[in-house]
Amino acid sequence: MKNINRLVKLSALMGMAISAVSCGKHKAPNVTFMPEMAYSPALKAQEEGSMRMPVAGTVPRHHQFYAYAGDMEAAGRELKNPLQRTEDTLKRGQTLYNSYCLVCHGPAGEGNGTIVPKYPMPPSLQSDKIKGYADGKIFHVITVGQNLMPSYASQVDAIDRWALIHYIRVLQRSKNPLPSDLQVLEAANR
């Protein structure tokens, strides 16, 4: 037991001696290990030379090529809404409208959203001009953007944009019902 206590004391003294010797003044070495890492040039984000260009021919994940990027009229003529106007489609369109469109276009699509005092009033979706747009033209505006409205292609999937268009059409008809809509309403109230 005495030998173990002596060993513990001896190892403690050795540890203190090594610590005392190693805490002396040290001179920095004359050679810097890997100077490129220690003294690399700093680049600011998005400064020329700091952004890497993607390898030629690469396509981002889930990228969908949009052939009408610069041609709204062709998009209006050639793009057709692939979705049927069902209750589920309209509910999905309403959810998307309330998430992305409501702040600018307002609850009824009249361009009186909550953000309007800070920014110019967007066009009313109830206007004759927008009502006259083909579904493909509205799809184009949502995809590419127009005037102050940015592109929503990264936020809203292509199929969801079509559901959104169905909901916009329902909003338009709620303000300006067709005579057939009124006949259905009268029949329901009888």
Foldseek 3Di string as FASTA:
>chain_A
DVVVVVVVVVVVVVVVVVVVVVPDDDDDDPDDDPVCVVDPDDDDPPDPPPDDDDDPPDDDPPDDDDPCLPPLPVLQVPDDQPDDPDPVLLVLLLVVCVVPPCQQLNPLQCQDHVCCVVDPGDHRCLDPVNVPGHLSSQLNCQQCNDDPGHHCCVPAPSNNSSSNSSNSNVSNCVVPPDPVVVVVVVVVVD
